[in-house]
């Protein structure tokens, strides 16, 4: 009985781990990965947004272009065409600086293409709400952009009307009775740089005659650095309509690169900032104030103008400066207009052997010299007005 009881107790006793040599007992553990416990979602909580745009999200509403959307390519392609710009009255602007200046001046946006929402935050929300906002991939903008390093922002705007623009207050406060007339400026980079100089010098307006490159061409806009929205630009004028865009009593002077030591009138065909006129389009009208004339190789009448160095006194308010292109130079009509207003040829001396100055360089020199002379004259007139009147 005693043996049977010991055997029964041995069966009921729980078996422990087998003892290892040295008296240690081995313990076997199971390695398990942690399990994430998901709490049930309350029906009252809104589901996470599945799209980038939400009606309750701050900022303007926009549309995300679907894969294969070709609107950007089509719009950019046609907007680079002068025919499209003229017929539809739309222009293409690229980059934060240019688009921001355009919006500040009152230009009307039609469509804005952007790669990230952050681009929209840099623009005035009240202005861009009027436009269609389309989010596209940066690679798509890079494909159609003319910039080496695109910023990811393109805009289609209504072609600005100078009469309806709101130019910066600082620009208007520093405006001078100084006008610029561009004649046959056909290089986009030159024209953009000239417009930038005109805005910097405080020109009242800029007139572009037929034969100049379109000021809303993308390369001109890039070189202008926002000048299009700081100074009025009146383009595509024929010479018959130029005087109607000038104030009464204005004196028109022309740029010249001829030999400064030559006697006045000995070189009657000024090179402006380039060469002599090749194929004049507008005949020169006779005027009682016009200087003596002679004919060029094609029989067009060209007046002889008195010449002087650009650094001498010549800027009397109001005054206009004509800059000719480097290829076609000044038109006979430009010389006729200068002669009829008592204008002069402004000589910019260069080292002998140098053919001519770049048009943009010549424009910058003359415009800022005109600014210096006008401000000095204005200061002198103010000083005379403040002198005590003798009793």
Protein backbone atom coordinates (compact mmCIF):
# COMPACT_ATOMS: atom_id res chain seq x y z
CA UNK A 1 0.00 0.00 0.00
CA UNK A 2 2.79 2.39 0.84
CA UNK A 3 4.43 1.76 -2.53
CA UNK A 4 1.12 2.32 -4.33
CA UNK A 5 0.64 5.65 -2.54
CA UNK A 6 4.10 6.88 -3.55
CA UNK A 7 3.45 6.00 -7.19
CA UNK A 8 0.10 7.88 -7.18
CA UNK A 9 1.68 11.00 -5.68
CA UNK A 10 4.43 10.87 -8.29
CA UNK A 11 1.85 10.94 -11.06
CA UNK A 12 0.03 13.94 -9.55
CA UNK A 13 3.20 15.95 -8.95
CA UNK A 14 3.80 18.55 -11.83
CA UNK A 15 6.84 17.83 -13.86
CA UNK A 16 9.42 20.61 -14.01
CA UNK A 17 12.19 21.17 -16.55
CA UNK A 18 14.86 18.63 -16.76
CA UNK A 19 17.91 19.53 -14.72
CA UNK A 20 21.03 20.37 -16.67
CA UNK A 21 24.52 19.44 -15.62
CA UNK A 22 25.73 21.78 -12.93
CA UNK A 23 22.31 22.05 -11.29
CA UNK A 24 20.89 24.71 -13.78
CA UNK A 25 17.49 24.31 -15.27
CA UNK A 26 16.94 25.27 -18.90
CA UNK A 27 14.06 27.56 -19.72
CA UNK A 28 12.58 27.56 -23.21
CA UNK A 29 11.04 30.89 -24.41
CA UNK A 30 8.96 31.57 -27.45
CA UNK A 31 9.93 34.60 -29.58
CA UNK A 32 6.88 36.40 -30.86
CA UNK A 33 6.54 39.68 -32.90
CA UNK A 34 4.56 42.44 -31.18
CA UNK A 35 0.97 42.68 -32.28
CA UNK A 36 -0.56 46.10 -33.07
CA UNK A 37 -3.94 46.48 -31.47
CA UNK A 38 -6.36 48.56 -33.59
CA UNK A 39 -8.99 50.41 -31.62
CA UNK A 40 -12.43 50.53 -33.20
CA UNK A 41 -13.11 53.88 -34.87
CA UNK A 42 -16.04 55.88 -33.60
CA UNK A 43 -18.73 56.55 -36.20
CA UNK A 44 -18.67 60.24 -35.22
CA UNK A 45 -15.03 60.73 -36.33
CA UNK A 46 -14.56 61.86 -39.98
CA UNK A 47 -12.57 59.55 -42.26
CA UNK A 48 -9.06 60.67 -43.27
CA UNK A 49 -8.96 62.78 -46.46
CA UNK A 50 -8.30 60.80 -49.60
CA UNK A 51 -7.47 63.85 -51.79
CA UNK A 52 -5.11 66.80 -51.44
CA UNK A 53 -7.92 69.31 -51.66
CA UNK A 54 -10.68 69.67 -49.14
CA UNK A 55 -13.54 72.11 -48.92
CA UNK A 56 -12.62 72.84 -45.31
CA UNK A 57 -8.89 73.22 -46.00
CA UNK A 58 -7.48 76.75 -45.80
CA UNK A 59 -6.35 78.52 -48.94
CA UNK A 60 -7.78 78.71 -52.44
CA UNK A 61 -9.37 75.70 -54.09
CA UNK A 62 -7.46 74.10 -56.92
CA UNK A 63 -7.67 71.23 -59.34
CA UNK A 64 -5.16 68.41 -59.54
CA UNK A 65 -4.29 67.50 -63.12
CA UNK A 66 -4.91 63.85 -63.92
CA UNK A 67 -2.24 61.69 -65.56
CA UNK A 68 -2.10 62.41 -69.27
CA UNK A 69 -3.55 65.91 -68.88
CA UNK A 70 -2.12 67.93 -71.78
CA UNK A 71 -3.55 71.34 -70.96
CA UNK A 72 -0.24 72.74 -69.74
CA UNK A 73 1.63 71.85 -72.91
CA UNK A 74 -1.10 73.15 -75.19
CA UNK A 75 -1.51 76.44 -73.32
CA UNK A 76 2.22 77.16 -73.11
CA UNK A 77 2.76 76.32 -76.78
CA UNK A 78 0.07 78.64 -78.10
CA UNK A 79 0.85 81.39 -75.57
CA UNK A 80 4.40 81.63 -76.97
CA UNK A 81 2.94 82.55 -80.35
CA UNK A 82 2.70 86.28 -81.15
CA UNK A 83 -0.33 85.59 -83.31
CA UNK A 84 -2.12 83.99 -80.37
CA UNK A 85 -1.16 86.85 -78.05
CA UNK A 86 -2.49 89.40 -80.51
CA UNK A 87 -5.68 87.56 -81.43
CA UNK A 88 -6.67 86.31 -77.99
CA UNK A 89 -5.12 88.98 -75.80
CA UNK A 90 -3.31 86.59 -73.48
CA UNK A 91 0.31 86.43 -72.30
CA UNK A 92 2.44 83.83 -70.54
CA UNK A 93 4.22 84.76 -67.29
CA UNK A 94 6.58 82.52 -65.33
CA UNK A 95 8.08 82.77 -61.86
CA UNK A 96 7.05 84.25 -58.52
CA UNK A 97 8.57 87.70 -59.08
CA UNK A 98 6.94 88.35 -62.43
CA UNK A 99 3.53 86.97 -61.49
CA UNK A 100 3.52 88.83 -58.18
CA UNK A 101 4.37 92.13 -59.92
CA UNK A 102 1.66 91.50 -62.48
CA UNK A 103 -0.97 90.87 -59.81
CA UNK A 104 0.09 93.96 -57.88
CA UNK A 105 -0.29 96.09 -61.02
CA UNK A 106 -3.80 94.83 -61.65
CA UNK A 107 -3.15 92.25 -64.36
CA UNK A 108 -5.97 89.70 -64.60
CA UNK A 109 -4.92 86.02 -64.21
CA UNK A 110 -6.73 83.39 -66.25
CA UNK A 111 -4.97 80.14 -65.29
CA UNK A 112 -2.14 79.34 -62.91
CA UNK A 113 -0.17 76.08 -63.13
CA UNK A 114 1.88 75.19 -60.02
CA UNK A 115 3.80 72.19 -58.75
CA UNK A 116 3.33 72.62 -54.98
CA UNK A 117 0.74 74.39 -52.84
CA UNK A 118 3.55 76.42 -51.30
CA UNK A 119 3.77 78.45 -54.52
CA UNK A 120 0.23 79.71 -54.01
CA UNK A 121 1.02 80.87 -50.48
CA UNK A 122 3.51 83.37 -51.91
CA UNK A 123 0.79 85.08 -53.97
CA UNK A 124 -2.09 87.28 -52.80
CA UNK A 125 -5.02 84.94 -52.24
CA UNK A 126 -7.66 87.51 -53.13
CA UNK A 127 -6.16 87.97 -56.59
CA UNK A 128 -5.53 84.35 -57.55
CA UNK A 129 -9.03 83.25 -56.56
CA UNK A 130 -10.24 84.74 -59.82
CA UNK A 131 -8.09 82.30 -61.82
CA UNK A 132 -8.31 78.59 -62.52
CA UNK A 133 -5.68 76.89 -60.35
CA UNK A 134 -4.23 73.63 -61.64
CA UNK A 135 -1.67 71.53 -59.77
CA UNK A 136 0.72 69.67 -62.08
CA UNK A 137 3.92 67.71 -61.70
CA UNK A 138 7.14 69.69 -61.55
CA UNK A 139 8.53 67.52 -64.36
CA UNK A 140 5.74 68.78 -66.62
CA UNK A 141 6.54 72.42 -65.84
CA UNK A 142 10.23 71.74 -66.39
CA UNK A 143 9.44 70.27 -69.78
CA UNK A 144 7.62 73.37 -71.02
CA UNK A 145 9.57 76.05 -69.18
CA UNK A 146 12.14 78.28 -70.90
CA UNK A 147 14.11 78.71 -67.68
CA UNK A 148 17.21 76.71 -66.85
CA UNK A 149 15.97 76.30 -63.28
CA UNK A 150 12.16 76.54 -63.33
CA UNK A 151 10.42 77.67 -60.16
CA UNK A 152 7.34 75.55 -60.69
CA UNK A 153 4.86 78.35 -61.40
CA UNK A 154 3.35 79.42 -64.74
CA UNK A 155 0.46 81.78 -65.41
CA UNK A 156 -1.75 82.78 -68.32
CA UNK A 157 -2.88 86.42 -67.97
CA UNK A 158 -5.05 88.75 -69.97
CA UNK A 159 -2.81 91.05 -71.98
CA UNK A 160 -2.35 94.14 -69.77
CA UNK A 161 -3.71 97.49 -70.93
CA UNK A 162 -1.35 100.34 -69.93
CA UNK A 163 -4.32 102.67 -69.41
CA UNK A 164 -5.85 100.31 -66.83
CA UNK A 165 -2.72 99.31 -64.93
CA UNK A 166 -1.98 100.41 -61.35
CA UNK A 167 1.73 101.08 -61.31
CA UNK A 168 3.67 101.13 -58.01
CA UNK A 169 3.35 104.34 -56.00
CA UNK A 170 7.13 104.63 -55.67
CA UNK A 171 7.48 104.40 -59.45
CA UNK A 172 4.92 107.14 -60.02
CA UNK A 173 6.44 109.37 -57.35
CA UNK A 174 9.85 109.20 -59.03
CA UNK A 175 8.61 109.51 -62.61
CA UNK A 176 10.35 112.14 -64.75
CA UNK A 177 9.29 114.03 -67.91
CA UNK A 178 11.46 111.56 -69.82
CA UNK A 179 10.26 109.24 -72.58
CA UNK A 180 11.97 106.48 -74.51
CA UNK A 181 11.26 105.61 -78.14
CA UNK A 182 12.55 102.25 -79.41
CA UNK A 183 13.13 102.03 -83.16
CA UNK A 184 13.80 98.64 -84.76
CA UNK A 185 14.88 96.94 -81.53
CA UNK A 186 14.51 93.32 -82.63
CA UNK A 187 16.60 91.42 -80.10
CA UNK A 188 14.44 90.21 -77.17
CA UNK A 189 17.24 90.40 -74.65
CA UNK A 190 18.14 93.95 -75.66
CA UNK A 191 14.56 95.17 -75.49
CA UNK A 192 13.99 93.60 -72.07
CA UNK A 193 17.15 95.20 -70.72
CA UNK A 194 16.17 98.57 -72.23
CA UNK A 195 12.75 98.39 -70.54
CA UNK A 196 14.42 97.58 -67.25
CA UNK A 197 16.69 100.63 -67.63
CA UNK A 198 13.70 102.80 -68.52
CA UNK A 199 11.91 101.75 -65.35
CA UNK A 200 15.03 102.31 -63.28
CA UNK A 201 15.62 105.78 -64.69
CA UNK A 202 12.01 106.81 -64.04
CA UNK A 203 10.73 107.14 -67.59
CA UNK A 204 7.18 108.38 -67.96
CA UNK A 205 6.44 105.89 -70.74
CA UNK A 206 8.07 103.78 -73.45
CA UNK A 207 6.98 103.80 -77.09
CA UNK A 208 7.78 100.89 -79.40
CA UNK A 209 7.48 101.41 -83.15
CA UNK A 210 6.60 98.75 -85.69
CA UNK A 211 9.67 96.64 -86.33
CA UNK A 212 10.44 96.13 -82.65
CA UNK A 213 10.11 92.71 -81.09
CA UNK A 214 6.88 92.03 -79.19
CA UNK A 215 7.39 93.23 -75.59
CA UNK A 216 5.29 90.30 -74.29
CA UNK A 217 7.58 87.70 -75.84
CA UNK A 218 8.84 85.40 -73.03
CA UNK A 219 12.51 86.33 -73.49
CA UNK A 220 11.69 90.05 -73.30
CA UNK A 221 9.69 89.45 -70.11
CA UNK A 222 12.56 87.59 -68.49
CA UNK A 223 15.09 90.27 -69.35
CA UNK A 224 12.70 93.03 -68.23
CA UNK A 225 12.58 91.70 -64.65
CA UNK A 226 9.14 93.17 -63.98
CA UNK A 227 9.63 96.46 -65.86
CA UNK A 228 6.48 95.71 -67.87
CA UNK A 229 4.45 96.36 -64.73
CA UNK A 230 6.32 99.49 -63.64
CA UNK A 231 6.28 101.72 -66.70
CA UNK A 232 3.61 102.10 -69.42
CA UNK A 233 4.60 100.40 -72.68
CA UNK A 234 2.79 101.36 -75.88
CA UNK A 235 3.76 99.00 -78.67
CA UNK A 236 3.33 98.54 -82.42
CA UNK A 237 3.14 102.24 -83.29
CA UNK A 238 3.72 103.62 -86.76
CA UNK A 239 5.68 106.84 -86.97
CA UNK A 240 2.65 108.87 -87.98
CA UNK A 241 1.03 108.07 -84.61
CA UNK A 242 4.13 108.57 -82.45
CA UNK A 243 3.67 112.38 -82.08
CA UNK A 244 0.14 111.87 -80.72
CA UNK A 245 1.65 109.87 -77.84
CA UNK A 246 4.13 112.61 -76.94
CA UNK A 247 3.44 115.62 -74.70
CA UNK A 248 3.33 119.10 -76.22
CA UNK A 249 6.61 120.96 -76.49
CA UNK A 250 8.77 117.86 -76.23
CA UNK A 251 12.27 117.69 -77.67
CA UNK A 252 13.26 114.41 -79.31
CA UNK A 253 16.95 113.45 -79.40
CA UNK A 254 18.55 110.41 -81.01
CA UNK A 255 21.42 108.22 -79.89
CA UNK A 256 24.57 108.17 -82.01
CA UNK A 257 27.88 106.34 -82.02
CA UNK A 258 29.63 108.32 -84.72
CA UNK A 259 33.03 109.92 -84.33
CA UNK A 260 32.60 112.67 -81.69
CA UNK A 261 35.37 114.73 -83.32
CA UNK A 262 33.47 114.95 -86.58
CA UNK A 263 31.84 118.35 -87.20
CA UNK A 264 28.13 118.61 -86.55
CA UNK A 265 26.15 117.55 -89.60
CA UNK A 266 29.10 115.90 -91.36
CA UNK A 267 27.74 112.44 -90.61
CA UNK A 268 24.02 112.88 -91.11
CA UNK A 269 23.07 109.19 -90.87
CA UNK A 270 23.45 108.31 -87.17
CA UNK A 271 24.04 104.74 -86.22
CA UNK A 272 21.86 105.05 -83.15
CA UNK A 273 23.05 102.07 -81.19
CA UNK A 274 23.68 100.11 -84.36
CA UNK A 275 24.04 100.60 -88.06
CA UNK A 276 22.59 102.90 -90.67
CA UNK A 277 19.00 102.27 -91.78
CA UNK A 278 18.76 99.53 -94.36
CA UNK A 279 15.21 99.70 -95.70
CA UNK A 280 13.18 102.61 -94.34
CA UNK A 281 9.47 101.97 -94.28
CA UNK A 282 7.99 105.32 -93.30
CA UNK A 283 8.61 108.46 -95.39
CA UNK A 284 9.87 111.52 -93.58
CA UNK A 285 7.33 114.32 -93.42
CA UNK A 286 8.45 117.85 -94.13
CA UNK A 287 8.33 120.34 -91.28
CA UNK A 288 9.08 124.06 -91.03
CA UNK A 289 11.45 123.30 -88.16
CA UNK A 290 13.33 120.56 -89.98
CA UNK A 291 17.04 120.95 -90.60
CA UNK A 292 18.59 120.74 -94.10
CA UNK A 293 18.16 117.36 -95.73
CA UNK A 294 19.90 115.04 -98.13
CA UNK A 295 19.04 111.64 -99.55
CA UNK A 296 20.37 108.23 -98.64
CA UNK A 297 21.20 105.43 -101.05
CA UNK A 298 17.52 104.61 -101.61
CA UNK A 299 16.40 108.19 -102.08
CA UNK A 300 14.80 108.70 -98.65
CA UNK A 301 15.18 112.21 -97.24
CA UNK A 302 17.34 112.27 -94.11
CA UNK A 303 17.66 115.50 -92.11
CA UNK A 304 21.00 116.65 -90.75
CA UNK A 305 20.98 117.15 -86.99
CA UNK A 306 23.35 119.09 -84.79
CA UNK A 307 25.54 116.77 -82.73
CA UNK A 308 26.92 117.02 -79.22
CA UNK A 309 28.38 114.78 -76.54
CA UNK A 310 25.82 113.05 -74.38
CA UNK A 311 27.40 114.45 -71.21
CA UNK A 312 26.75 118.05 -72.29
CA UNK A 313 23.55 119.85 -71.37
CA UNK A 314 20.68 118.69 -73.58
CA UNK A 315 17.84 117.33 -71.42
CA UNK A 316 15.09 119.91 -71.13
CA UNK A 317 11.73 118.81 -69.79
CA UNK A 318 9.99 117.16 -71.47
CA UNK A 319 12.49 115.17 -73.49
CA UNK A 320 12.45 111.89 -75.43
CA UNK A 321 15.34 109.68 -76.48
CA UNK A 322 15.27 107.45 -79.57
CA UNK A 323 17.32 104.26 -79.51
CA UNK A 324 17.87 102.39 -82.77
CA UNK A 325 18.49 98.71 -83.31
CA UNK A 326 21.94 97.28 -83.91
CA UNK A 327 21.05 95.83 -87.31
CA UNK A 328 18.71 98.33 -88.94
CA UNK A 329 19.57 101.43 -86.96
CA UNK A 330 17.39 104.53 -86.89
CA UNK A 331 14.55 105.12 -89.33
CA UNK A 332 14.53 108.29 -91.43
CA UNK A 333 11.20 109.05 -89.77
CA UNK A 334 12.93 109.07 -86.37
CA UNK A 335 15.45 111.61 -87.62
CA UNK A 336 12.65 113.68 -89.11
CA UNK A 337 10.79 113.74 -85.81
CA UNK A 338 13.95 114.79 -83.97
CA UNK A 339 14.61 117.57 -86.48
CA UNK A 340 11.02 118.86 -86.24
CA UNK A 341 11.32 119.23 -82.47
CA UNK A 342 14.75 120.85 -82.44
CA UNK A 343 16.41 117.67 -81.22
CA UNK A 344 20.05 116.67 -81.47
CA UNK A 345 22.26 113.71 -82.11
CA UNK A 346 23.75 112.56 -78.82
CA UNK A 347 27.28 111.26 -79.35
CA UNK A 348 28.60 108.51 -77.12
CA UNK A 349 32.36 108.49 -77.70
CA UNK A 350 34.00 105.11 -78.11
CA UNK A 351 37.55 104.01 -78.79
CA UNK A 352 38.42 104.22 -82.51
CA UNK A 353 37.89 100.90 -84.22
CA UNK A 354 34.91 99.90 -82.06
CA UNK A 355 31.95 99.54 -84.38
CA UNK A 356 29.08 100.45 -82.06
CA UNK A 357 27.67 100.09 -78.60
CA UNK A 358 25.03 97.58 -77.70
CA UNK A 359 21.56 99.13 -77.92
CA UNK A 360 20.78 98.36 -74.30
CA UNK A 361 24.07 99.87 -73.11
CA UNK A 362 23.50 103.04 -75.14
CA UNK A 363 19.97 103.36 -73.76
CA UNK A 364 21.16 103.00 -70.19
CA UNK A 365 23.86 105.64 -70.63
CA UNK A 366 21.54 108.22 -72.17
CA UNK A 367 18.55 107.62 -69.90
CA UNK A 368 20.50 107.98 -66.68
CA UNK A 369 22.35 111.01 -68.01
CA UNK A 370 18.99 112.54 -68.87
CA UNK A 371 17.79 111.76 -65.36
CA UNK A 372 20.84 113.46 -63.86
CA UNK A 373 20.34 116.58 -65.96
CA UNK A 374 16.60 116.79 -65.31
CA UNK A 375 17.02 116.43 -61.55
CA UNK A 376 19.79 119.04 -61.52
CA UNK A 377 17.66 121.45 -63.54
CA UNK A 378 14.68 120.86 -61.25
CA UNK A 379 16.84 121.50 -58.19
CA UNK A 380 18.13 124.74 -59.67
CA UNK A 381 14.61 125.91 -60.48
CA UNK A 382 13.46 125.14 -56.94
CA UNK A 383 16.40 127.13 -55.59
CA UNK A 384 15.49 130.16 -57.69
CA UNK A 385 11.89 129.99 -56.52
CA UNK A 386 12.99 130.03 -52.88
CA UNK A 387 15.18 133.15 -53.32
CA UNK A 388 13.74 136.24 -51.54
CA UNK A 389 12.04 138.72 -53.84
CA UNK A 390 13.76 142.14 -53.59
CA UNK A 391 11.47 144.89 -52.31
